[in-house]
Every structure is written in C-alpha cells, then in structure tokens.
Amino acid sequence: MSNQLVTSENNERVKSFFLSLDGLASAMERLFTGKKPTLSGELFYTDDELSEKLKLSRRSLQDYRNEGRIPYIKLGGKILYRSSDIEKLLEDGYRDKFR
C-alpha cells in the first residue's frame, strides 16, 4: 500500500469531481441571483423594483401613494411595498372582458 497524494492533476475521477462541484456552484449562483430575502415569508419591493415590475414611473407610484390608492411602508427615508398588498390591489382592479 503506497501513500501518494491524489490530486486533480494525477487522477481523472478527482478532476471530474471538482468540475462537477464547479458546475453545481455556478448553477446555484444563477438560481439565487436576484432573489431577495423575505421577512416572515413576505417579500417587499422598493420604488425602483415596483415601478419596473408594473411598468409605471416612480412619479405615478408617488401619486398613487398620495391619493391613498396603494399601500406602502415608510421606513426612514425608504418606501417599501408589501408584495401581498400589491397582488391584492391588482386582483381587486381586475376586470373581466365584457364581450
């Protein structure tokens, strides 16, 4: 029984293992890129994120806040929107076709 160091340079199985790990790490990075942490399972959007998601200007969001049409949270100088509030607002505003 010989004591020799097994490395990726001298063993194809080790090389294959490390290549698989690299692939797995890349896949996980792609999967979690852009994912935001939640607070008690609730996702919050910033002005920028919500305006992009709804295809509205930030000024329109401000008008909706001022008119009381859209619920929001003001934390310090930051405005946050709860995803469940936005989904409810969209569902309540849904209109079936009339034809």
N, C-alpha and C. Protein backbone atom coordinates (compact mmCIF):
# COMPACT_ATOMS: atom_id res chain seq x y z
N MET A 1 0.84 -1.17 0.00
CA MET A 1 0.00 0.00 0.00
C MET A 1 0.89 1.24 0.00
N SER A 2 0.69 2.07 -1.01
CA SER A 2 1.55 3.25 -1.12
C SER A 2 0.81 4.49 -0.67
N ASN A 3 1.55 5.39 -0.13
CA ASN A 3 1.00 6.67 0.31
C ASN A 3 1.32 7.72 -0.74
N GLN A 4 0.38 7.97 -1.62
CA GLN A 4 0.61 9.02 -2.60
C GLN A 4 -0.56 10.00 -2.57
N LEU A 5 -0.24 11.22 -2.84
CA LEU A 5 -1.21 12.30 -2.82
C LEU A 5 -2.06 12.23 -4.09
N VAL A 6 -3.39 12.23 -3.88
CA VAL A 6 -4.31 12.20 -5.01
C VAL A 6 -4.75 13.63 -5.28
N THR A 7 -4.48 14.11 -6.49
CA THR A 7 -4.87 15.47 -6.87
C THR A 7 -5.60 15.41 -8.20
N SER A 8 -6.15 16.54 -8.58
CA SER A 8 -6.86 16.59 -9.86
C SER A 8 -5.90 16.48 -11.04
N GLU A 9 -4.62 16.75 -10.80
CA GLU A 9 -3.65 16.63 -11.89
C GLU A 9 -3.31 15.19 -12.20
N ASN A 10 -3.38 14.31 -11.21
CA ASN A 10 -2.96 12.94 -11.47
C ASN A 10 -4.10 11.93 -11.37
N ASN A 11 -5.37 12.38 -11.21
CA ASN A 11 -6.47 11.43 -11.11
C ASN A 11 -7.70 12.03 -11.81
N GLU A 12 -8.17 11.33 -12.83
CA GLU A 12 -9.31 11.81 -13.62
C GLU A 12 -10.60 11.86 -12.80
N ARG A 13 -10.79 10.93 -11.88
CA ARG A 13 -12.00 10.92 -11.06
C ARG A 13 -12.06 12.15 -10.16
N VAL A 14 -10.93 12.55 -9.61
CA VAL A 14 -10.87 13.74 -8.77
C VAL A 14 -11.13 14.98 -9.62
N LYS A 15 -10.54 15.01 -10.81
CA LYS A 15 -10.74 16.13 -11.72
C LYS A 15 -12.21 16.25 -12.08
N SER A 16 -12.85 15.14 -12.39
CA SER A 16 -14.27 15.13 -12.73
C SER A 16 -15.13 15.60 -11.56
N PHE A 17 -14.77 15.18 -10.35
CA PHE A 17 -15.50 15.59 -9.15
C PHE A 17 -15.44 17.11 -8.97
N PHE A 18 -14.25 17.69 -9.11
CA PHE A 18 -14.11 19.13 -8.94
C PHE A 18 -14.82 19.91 -10.05
N LEU A 19 -14.82 19.38 -11.26
CA LEU A 19 -15.56 20.03 -12.34
C LEU A 19 -17.06 20.00 -12.05
N SER A 20 -17.55 18.89 -11.49
CA SER A 20 -18.96 18.80 -11.11
C SER A 20 -19.30 19.80 -10.03
N LEU A 21 -18.41 19.95 -9.05
CA LEU A 21 -18.63 20.94 -7.99
C LEU A 21 -18.68 22.36 -8.55
N ASP A 22 -17.80 22.66 -9.50
CA ASP A 22 -17.81 23.99 -10.13
C ASP A 22 -19.12 24.23 -10.86
N GLY A 23 -19.59 23.21 -11.56
CA GLY A 23 -20.87 23.33 -12.27
C GLY A 23 -22.03 23.54 -11.32
N LEU A 24 -22.01 22.82 -10.21
CA LEU A 24 -23.06 22.96 -9.20
C LEU A 24 -23.03 24.36 -8.58
N ALA A 25 -21.85 24.86 -8.28
CA ALA A 25 -21.73 26.20 -7.71
C ALA A 25 -22.24 27.26 -8.68
N SER A 26 -21.93 27.10 -9.96
CA SER A 26 -22.42 28.05 -10.97
C SER A 26 -23.94 28.00 -11.09
N ALA A 27 -24.50 26.80 -11.06
CA ALA A 27 -25.96 26.65 -11.14
C ALA A 27 -26.64 27.27 -9.94
N MET A 28 -26.08 27.09 -8.76
CA MET A 28 -26.67 27.69 -7.55
C MET A 28 -26.59 29.21 -7.59
N GLU A 29 -25.49 29.72 -8.10
CA GLU A 29 -25.33 31.18 -8.20
C GLU A 29 -26.38 31.75 -9.15
N ARG A 30 -26.62 31.09 -10.29
CA ARG A 30 -27.64 31.55 -11.24
C ARG A 30 -29.03 31.47 -10.60
N LEU A 31 -29.27 30.43 -9.83
CA LEU A 31 -30.57 30.22 -9.20
C LEU A 31 -30.88 31.30 -8.18
N PHE A 32 -29.88 31.67 -7.39
CA PHE A 32 -30.12 32.61 -6.30
C PHE A 32 -29.80 34.06 -6.64
N THR A 33 -29.30 34.33 -7.82
CA THR A 33 -29.04 35.70 -8.23
C THR A 33 -30.38 36.41 -8.41
N GLY A 34 -30.50 37.55 -7.79
CA GLY A 34 -31.74 38.31 -7.91
C GLY A 34 -32.79 37.93 -6.90
N LYS A 35 -32.56 36.90 -6.12
CA LYS A 35 -33.52 36.51 -5.09
C LYS A 35 -33.31 37.41 -3.88
N LYS A 36 -34.43 37.87 -3.34
CA LYS A 36 -34.36 38.75 -2.19
C LYS A 36 -34.79 38.00 -0.95
N PRO A 37 -34.17 38.29 0.16
CA PRO A 37 -34.62 37.65 1.40
C PRO A 37 -36.00 38.15 1.79
N THR A 38 -36.74 37.33 2.49
CA THR A 38 -38.08 37.70 2.91
C THR A 38 -38.11 37.92 4.41
N LEU A 39 -39.12 38.62 4.86
CA LEU A 39 -39.33 38.86 6.27
C LEU A 39 -40.65 38.18 6.63
N SER A 40 -40.58 37.12 7.41
CA SER A 40 -41.75 36.30 7.76
C SER A 40 -42.48 35.82 6.52
N GLY A 41 -41.74 35.48 5.49
CA GLY A 41 -42.32 34.96 4.26
C GLY A 41 -42.87 36.03 3.34
N GLU A 42 -42.74 37.28 3.71
CA GLU A 42 -43.28 38.39 2.91
C GLU A 42 -42.15 39.06 2.15
N LEU A 43 -42.40 39.33 0.88
CA LEU A 43 -41.42 39.99 0.02
C LEU A 43 -41.79 41.46 -0.07
N PHE A 44 -40.81 42.34 -0.04
CA PHE A 44 -41.04 43.78 -0.13
C PHE A 44 -40.33 44.32 -1.36
N TYR A 45 -40.98 45.30 -2.02
CA TYR A 45 -40.41 45.94 -3.19
C TYR A 45 -40.06 47.40 -2.87
N THR A 46 -39.00 47.87 -3.48
CA THR A 46 -38.66 49.28 -3.41
C THR A 46 -39.39 50.00 -4.54
N ASP A 47 -39.32 51.33 -4.56
CA ASP A 47 -39.92 52.11 -5.64
C ASP A 47 -39.41 51.66 -7.01
N ASP A 48 -38.09 51.54 -7.12
CA ASP A 48 -37.49 51.15 -8.40
C ASP A 48 -37.98 49.78 -8.84
N GLU A 49 -37.97 48.82 -7.93
CA GLU A 49 -38.37 47.46 -8.28
C GLU A 49 -39.84 47.39 -8.69
N LEU A 50 -40.70 48.07 -7.95
CA LEU A 50 -42.13 48.01 -8.25
C LEU A 50 -42.46 48.77 -9.53
N SER A 51 -41.81 49.91 -9.74
CA SER A 51 -42.07 50.65 -10.97
C SER A 51 -41.65 49.84 -12.19
N GLU A 52 -40.55 49.11 -12.08
CA GLU A 52 -40.11 48.26 -13.19
C GLU A 52 -41.07 47.09 -13.38
N LYS A 53 -41.50 46.49 -12.29
CA LYS A 53 -42.38 45.33 -12.35
C LYS A 53 -43.75 45.68 -12.93
N LEU A 54 -44.29 46.84 -12.54
CA LEU A 54 -45.62 47.25 -13.00
C LEU A 54 -45.57 48.12 -14.25
N LYS A 55 -44.36 48.45 -14.71
CA LYS A 55 -44.18 49.33 -15.87
C LYS A 55 -44.84 50.69 -15.64
N LEU A 56 -44.61 51.23 -14.46
CA LEU A 56 -45.08 52.55 -14.08
C LEU A 56 -43.89 53.42 -13.72
N SER A 57 -44.07 54.72 -13.84
CA SER A 57 -42.99 55.60 -13.41
C SER A 57 -43.02 55.71 -11.89
N ARG A 58 -41.90 56.10 -11.32
CA ARG A 58 -41.84 56.30 -9.87
C ARG A 58 -42.76 57.46 -9.47
N ARG A 59 -42.94 58.41 -10.35
CA ARG A 59 -43.83 59.54 -10.09
C ARG A 59 -45.29 59.04 -9.98
N SER A 60 -45.67 58.10 -10.83
CA SER A 60 -47.02 57.53 -10.75
C SER A 60 -47.22 56.82 -9.43
N LEU A 61 -46.20 56.08 -8.99
CA LEU A 61 -46.30 55.42 -7.69
C LEU A 61 -46.47 56.45 -6.58
N GLN A 62 -45.75 57.56 -6.68
CA GLN A 62 -45.88 58.61 -5.67
C GLN A 62 -47.29 59.19 -5.69
N ASP A 63 -47.85 59.40 -6.87
CA ASP A 63 -49.22 59.90 -6.98
C ASP A 63 -50.20 58.91 -6.34
N TYR A 64 -50.01 57.62 -6.61
CA TYR A 64 -50.89 56.59 -6.02
C TYR A 64 -50.79 56.59 -4.50
N ARG A 65 -49.59 56.79 -3.98
CA ARG A 65 -49.41 56.87 -2.52
C ARG A 65 -50.14 58.09 -1.96
N ASN A 66 -49.94 59.24 -2.60
CA ASN A 66 -50.56 60.49 -2.14
C ASN A 66 -52.08 60.41 -2.17
N GLU A 67 -52.63 59.69 -3.16
CA GLU A 67 -54.08 59.55 -3.29
C GLU A 67 -54.63 58.44 -2.40
N GLY A 68 -53.74 57.68 -1.75
CA GLY A 68 -54.18 56.58 -0.90
C GLY A 68 -54.63 55.35 -1.68
N ARG A 69 -54.21 55.24 -2.93
CA ARG A 69 -54.61 54.12 -3.77
C ARG A 69 -53.72 52.90 -3.61
N ILE A 70 -52.52 53.11 -3.10
CA ILE A 70 -51.57 51.99 -2.99
C ILE A 70 -50.98 51.99 -1.57
N PRO A 71 -51.05 50.84 -0.88
CA PRO A 71 -50.48 50.79 0.48
C PRO A 71 -48.95 50.75 0.43
N TYR A 72 -48.33 51.33 1.43
CA TYR A 72 -46.87 51.36 1.49
C TYR A 72 -46.40 51.48 2.93
N ILE A 73 -45.11 51.24 3.10
CA ILE A 73 -44.46 51.38 4.40
C ILE A 73 -43.34 52.39 4.22
N LYS A 74 -43.26 53.36 5.12
CA LYS A 74 -42.15 54.31 5.08
C LYS A 74 -41.24 53.99 6.24
N LEU A 75 -40.04 53.57 5.92
CA LEU A 75 -39.06 53.18 6.92
C LEU A 75 -37.85 54.09 6.75
N GLY A 76 -37.72 55.04 7.66
CA GLY A 76 -36.68 56.05 7.47
C GLY A 76 -37.06 56.87 6.27
N GLY A 77 -36.19 56.98 5.31
CA GLY A 77 -36.49 57.69 4.08
C GLY A 77 -36.83 56.76 2.94
N LYS A 78 -37.00 55.48 3.24
CA LYS A 78 -37.21 54.47 2.21
C LYS A 78 -38.69 54.07 2.15
N ILE A 79 -39.23 53.95 0.96
CA ILE A 79 -40.60 53.50 0.75
C ILE A 79 -40.55 52.03 0.33
N LEU A 80 -41.35 51.21 1.00
CA LEU A 80 -41.43 49.78 0.69
C LEU A 80 -42.88 49.40 0.44
N TYR A 81 -43.07 48.45 -0.46
CA TYR A 81 -44.39 47.94 -0.78
C TYR A 81 -44.42 46.45 -0.50
N ARG A 82 -45.41 45.99 0.23
CA ARG A 82 -45.57 44.57 0.54
C ARG A 82 -46.14 43.87 -0.68
N SER A 83 -45.53 42.76 -1.08
CA SER A 83 -45.97 42.06 -2.28
C SER A 83 -47.41 41.60 -2.19
N SER A 84 -47.86 41.15 -1.01
CA SER A 84 -49.24 40.70 -0.88
C SER A 84 -50.22 41.86 -1.06
N ASP A 85 -49.85 43.07 -0.63
CA ASP A 85 -50.70 44.24 -0.85
C ASP A 85 -50.82 44.56 -2.33
N ILE A 86 -49.71 44.46 -3.04
CA ILE A 86 -49.72 44.76 -4.47
C ILE A 86 -50.55 43.72 -5.22
N GLU A 87 -50.38 42.43 -4.86
CA GLU A 87 -51.17 41.38 -5.51
C GLU A 87 -52.65 41.59 -5.27
N LYS A 88 -53.03 41.94 -4.05
CA LYS A 88 -54.45 42.18 -3.72
C LYS A 88 -54.97 43.37 -4.52
N LEU A 89 -54.18 44.43 -4.60
CA LEU A 89 -54.57 45.61 -5.35
C LEU A 89 -54.82 45.26 -6.82
N LEU A 90 -53.94 44.45 -7.40
CA LEU A 90 -54.10 44.05 -8.80
C LEU A 90 -55.32 43.15 -8.98
N GLU A 91 -55.55 42.23 -8.05
CA GLU A 91 -56.71 41.35 -8.14
C GLU A 91 -58.01 42.14 -8.00
N ASP A 92 -58.04 43.10 -7.08
CA ASP A 92 -59.25 43.92 -6.90
C ASP A 92 -59.53 44.77 -8.12
N GLY A 93 -58.50 45.18 -8.82
CA GLY A 93 -58.66 46.01 -10.01
C GLY A 93 -58.92 45.23 -11.28
N TYR A 94 -58.89 43.91 -11.21
CA TYR A 94 -59.07 43.07 -12.40
C TYR A 94 -60.50 43.18 -12.91
N ARG A 95 -60.65 43.38 -14.19
CA ARG A 95 -61.97 43.44 -14.82
C ARG A 95 -62.02 42.41 -15.93
N ASP A 96 -63.08 41.60 -15.92
CA ASP A 96 -63.29 40.62 -17.00
C ASP A 96 -63.64 41.36 -18.28
N LYS A 97 -63.40 40.69 -19.38
CA LYS A 97 -63.80 41.29 -20.66
C LYS A 97 -65.33 41.34 -20.70
N PHE A 98 -65.88 42.28 -21.43
CA PHE A 98 -67.31 42.48 -21.44
C PHE A 98 -67.99 41.97 -22.69
N ARG A 99 -67.28 41.36 -23.55
CA ARG A 99 -67.88 40.82 -24.79
C ARG A 99 -68.27 39.40 -24.63
